[in-house]
Amino acid sequence: MALQGALRRALGGGLAVRSVSRFRMGNDQTIVGLSNDAVVNQIQEIISDNCVVIFSKTTCSYCRMAKNLFDSINVNYTAVELDMNTNGSQFQDVLEQMTGGRTVPRVFVNGSFVGGATDTQRLHEEGKLLPLIDQCQVKSKSQSAI
């Protein structure tokens, strides 16, 4: 909840985020012209503060596929809905620079980009996705104990 509050303050409520509790921030204020650096900082903060992040669009079937995968294995995730964000296109531009692709979903686990929906599905089928998630959850628990 602290991250959601920070994001709402930083972007004036303009970022739609769905997280573990399925809370989605409203798009009740328009923020135009964020600097590229501000967008990069927001994306990096979201990724570093959450074990699993899906940059998504609400109408995208591949995005639903990625979310359904995490739901089916009972793993919490944060979904940033770019089509619900006034600056979603700018976020998508920065994600393209960061990951080499503009399509959604853009899935990050434990701070690292793992790919889109089919890449994430393949990691799961190969038995490599859950160990990445476990590493993140162990790291989170050890940091919260400090």
Protein backbone atom coordinates (compact mmCIF):
# COMPACT_ATOMS: atom_id res chain seq x y z
CA MET A 1 0.00 0.00 0.00
CA ALA A 2 2.90 2.39 0.67
CA LEU A 3 4.10 2.00 -2.91
CA GLN A 4 0.63 2.67 -4.26
CA GLY A 5 0.41 5.84 -2.19
CA ALA A 6 3.84 6.96 -3.37
CA LEU A 7 2.91 6.28 -6.98
CA ARG A 8 -0.35 8.16 -6.63
CA ARG A 9 1.47 11.17 -5.14
CA ALA A 10 4.25 11.06 -7.75
CA LEU A 11 1.92 10.80 -10.73
CA GLY A 12 -1.09 12.62 -9.36
CA GLY A 13 -3.24 9.52 -9.56
CA GLY A 14 -2.52 9.05 -13.26
CA LEU A 15 -1.03 5.56 -13.01
CA ALA A 16 -3.28 2.55 -13.04
CA VAL A 17 -1.74 -0.17 -10.90
CA ARG A 18 -3.22 -3.50 -9.94
CA SER A 19 -1.41 -5.30 -7.22
CA VAL A 20 -1.76 -8.19 -4.87
CA SER A 21 -5.00 -6.83 -3.47
CA ARG A 22 -6.21 -6.11 -7.01
CA PHE A 23 -6.33 -2.42 -6.11
CA ARG A 24 -6.33 -0.24 -9.19
CA MET A 25 -5.44 3.40 -8.95
CA GLY A 26 -7.77 5.75 -10.76
CA ASN A 27 -6.93 7.95 -13.69
CA ASP A 28 -8.65 10.96 -12.19
CA GLN A 29 -5.95 13.53 -12.94
CA THR A 30 -4.10 14.12 -16.16
CA ILE A 31 -0.35 14.49 -15.98
CA VAL A 32 1.16 15.54 -19.27
CA GLY A 33 4.78 15.80 -20.28
CA LEU A 34 6.63 13.77 -17.69
CA SER A 35 10.32 13.86 -18.45
CA ASN A 36 11.88 10.69 -19.77
CA ASP A 37 14.01 10.54 -16.62
CA ALA A 38 10.90 10.75 -14.43
CA VAL A 39 9.30 7.86 -16.34
CA VAL A 40 12.50 5.78 -16.10
CA ASN A 41 12.65 6.47 -12.36
CA GLN A 42 9.00 5.48 -11.88
CA ILE A 43 9.45 2.24 -13.82
CA GLN A 44 12.63 1.36 -11.94
CA GLU A 45 10.95 2.08 -8.60
CA ILE A 46 7.97 -0.12 -9.46
CA ILE A 47 10.26 -2.97 -10.56
CA SER A 48 12.55 -2.72 -7.53
CA ASP A 49 9.67 -2.51 -5.04
CA ASN A 50 7.76 -5.53 -6.36
CA CYS A 51 8.76 -9.14 -6.90
CA VAL A 52 6.61 -9.61 -10.02
CA VAL A 53 5.56 -6.72 -12.27
CA ILE A 54 3.50 -6.98 -15.43
CA PHE A 55 3.34 -3.88 -17.63
CA SER A 56 0.05 -4.58 -19.31
CA LYS A 57 -3.02 -3.33 -21.15
CA THR A 58 -6.51 -4.26 -20.01
CA THR A 59 -7.60 -5.32 -23.51
CA CYS A 60 -4.58 -7.49 -24.33
CA SER A 61 -5.13 -11.26 -24.46
CA TYR A 62 -1.41 -11.98 -23.95
CA CYS A 63 -1.47 -9.77 -20.86
CA ARG A 64 -4.42 -11.80 -19.54
CA MET A 65 -2.41 -14.95 -20.29
CA ALA A 66 0.52 -13.71 -18.17
CA LYS A 67 -1.77 -12.64 -15.31
CA ASN A 68 -3.64 -15.96 -15.45
CA LEU A 69 -0.33 -17.82 -15.22
CA PHE A 70 0.62 -16.03 -11.99
CA ASP A 71 -2.92 -16.42 -10.65
CA SER A 72 -2.83 -20.17 -11.41
CA ILE A 73 0.41 -20.66 -9.46
CA ASN A 74 -0.87 -18.41 -6.66
CA VAL A 75 1.84 -15.77 -7.08
CA ASN A 76 1.06 -12.15 -6.31
CA TYR A 77 2.00 -9.58 -8.92
CA THR A 78 1.67 -5.89 -9.65
CA ALA A 79 0.04 -5.05 -12.98
CA VAL A 80 0.63 -1.58 -14.39
CA GLU A 81 -2.18 -0.99 -16.89
CA LEU A 82 -0.67 1.25 -19.55
CA ASP A 83 -3.96 1.86 -21.34
CA MET A 84 -5.42 3.29 -18.13
CA ASN A 85 -2.53 5.74 -17.75
CA THR A 86 -2.42 9.11 -19.47
CA ASN A 87 1.31 8.59 -19.94
CA GLY A 88 1.04 4.93 -20.91
CA SER A 89 2.54 5.50 -24.35
CA GLN A 90 5.53 7.24 -22.78
CA PHE A 91 5.93 4.34 -20.34
CA GLN A 92 5.78 1.95 -23.28
CA ASP A 93 8.48 3.95 -25.13
CA VAL A 94 10.79 3.72 -22.10
CA LEU A 95 10.04 0.01 -21.65
CA GLU A 96 11.03 -0.49 -25.30
CA GLN A 97 14.36 1.23 -24.63
CA MET A 98 14.88 -0.89 -21.52
CA THR A 99 13.83 -4.27 -22.92
CA GLY A 100 14.18 -4.06 -26.70
CA GLY A 101 10.47 -4.59 -27.30
CA ARG A 102 7.38 -2.42 -27.27
CA THR A 103 4.73 -5.12 -27.06
CA VAL A 104 2.90 -5.97 -23.87
CA PRO A 105 3.05 -7.62 -21.53
CA ARG A 106 6.52 -6.75 -20.32
CA VAL A 107 7.09 -9.09 -17.36
CA PHE A 108 9.72 -8.51 -14.68
CA VAL A 109 10.58 -10.99 -11.93
CA ASN A 110 13.03 -10.25 -9.15
CA GLY A 111 14.07 -7.02 -10.87
CA SER A 112 14.90 -8.68 -14.19
CA PHE A 113 13.01 -8.62 -17.46
CA VAL A 114 11.87 -12.16 -18.32
CA GLY A 115 9.95 -11.40 -21.52
CA GLY A 116 6.35 -11.46 -22.62
CA ALA A 117 3.56 -13.91 -21.92
CA THR A 118 4.91 -16.82 -23.97
CA ASP A 119 8.43 -16.32 -22.60
CA THR A 120 7.07 -16.35 -19.06
CA GLN A 121 4.95 -19.43 -19.79
CA ARG A 122 8.01 -21.20 -21.23
CA LEU A 123 10.08 -20.35 -18.13
CA HIS A 124 7.33 -21.86 -15.99
CA GLU A 125 7.13 -25.03 -18.12
CA GLU A 126 10.92 -25.39 -17.88
CA GLY A 127 10.73 -25.10 -14.08
CA LYS A 128 12.71 -21.84 -14.04
CA LEU A 129 10.03 -19.30 -13.08
CA LEU A 130 9.26 -20.39 -9.52
CA PRO A 131 12.96 -20.41 -8.49
CA LEU A 132 13.23 -16.77 -9.67
CA ILE A 133 10.16 -15.87 -7.64
CA ASP A 134 11.47 -17.77 -4.61
CA GLN A 135 14.76 -15.83 -4.79
CA CYS A 136 12.83 -12.58 -4.72
CA GLN A 137 10.62 -13.64 -1.84
CA VAL A 138 13.66 -14.76 0.19
CA LYS A 139 15.35 -11.42 -0.53
CA SER A 140 12.19 -9.52 0.53
CA LYS A 141 11.92 -11.44 3.79
CA SER A 142 15.59 -10.89 4.66
CA GLN A 143 15.32 -7.16 3.92
CA SER A 144 12.17 -6.79 6.04
CA ALA A 145 13.94 -8.51 8.95
CA ILE A 146 16.60 -5.77 9.03
